[in-house]
Amino acid sequence: MIYVMSYFDDTSQFGLSCALALPLQPDSSIDFLRLSQHARRSLDAGCSSVTVFGTTGEGASVSMSEREEILGALLAAGIALRDHVLGGVAAAAVGDAVEQARILIDRECRGVLLAPPFYFKHVTDEGLYRWFSQVFEKIGKRARDVFLYHIPSVTEAPLSIELIGRLKAAFPQVVVGVKDSGGDWTYTEKLLRAHHDLIVLIGDERHLAAGVRLGAKGAISGLANVCPSELLPLVKYGENDSRIVDLVNEVLKYPVTPAVKALLARRRNDEGWLNVRPPLTRISSQHANELASVYDRIFSQKAAQPI
């Protein structure tokens, strides 16, 4: 099999990618203008890229035609997909995963964030290896720049260190990295030591600074929707900031995507950001107010000094 050239190299510093929240109208249709404006603000604030169709972006609820429309809207807004846009793939069927990935590849997006199949539970490494292998083989020679997505709290299909190694060895021109959203520092540490040749991205911002100091290349972050400037020192220099840890702990008291949207609505003074797609529901007004108050209190504190 002949592969196209990757947009990344072995030493790429990935930077901070905003796991872009999905702006919705009250009828659950996508607000493409608000989406494009938010993507532009994120890039202007220092994010190196935005990631669409991820967990924070409610990607599993975004249809094939909507994926095309979102990428078209970003392109029309002057955002270079090749340089600044990654996209998530969330599917249980191999064929659906292939089609979602092809949309991103056809549009020459920067990379593909590929989650394991999320419907089937208690699957083995062998089963996952075969699933990923079939996805790559069906995409064919254009397969490139895939980040394996470890998020067992959502998929209930963890990616073992051994499975990642096996996929990396079998598809060295396809698998370029891993996004680790497991929230388990022991796993993160093993991942970074075992696969230092991959672009490891940290999804749990509480472990971001330590991960960067150990060799992680950046993050795809939901909190980048609301506080990208505060996250940049963690990504660039591995600087500790206890405020980020405190904020993550507060957000995790609620369903994460509605909580991030509630913070974004408060930060932008725009209640339209509160809308989520079923089966998700908004957090209550009381909880949104409480979370906003905690955010204000946390960021009234001075940032922790770098170590």
Foldseek 3Di string as FASTA:
>chain_A
DAADAAPDDLPDQQAEEEQQAFFADQVRHGDLVVSLVLQVVLVVLPGFAYEALDPLNVNVPQDLVNVLVNLVSNVVSVHQQQGHYEYEAAAQDLVSSLSSVVSSLVSNGNAYEYEFHQPDAPDDLVVSLVSVVSSDVVNPRHAAHYAYEAACVRRNDGQALVSVVVCCVVCVRHYAYYEDAHPDVVRLLVNCVSPLSHQYAYEQLQCQLVSVVSRHSYYHYNCSSQCVNVSRCSNPPSFDWVLSVVLSVLCVVDDNSLQSLLNNCVRVVHCSSNDDDPPDHHDDPVSSVVSNVSNVVSVVDDTDGGD
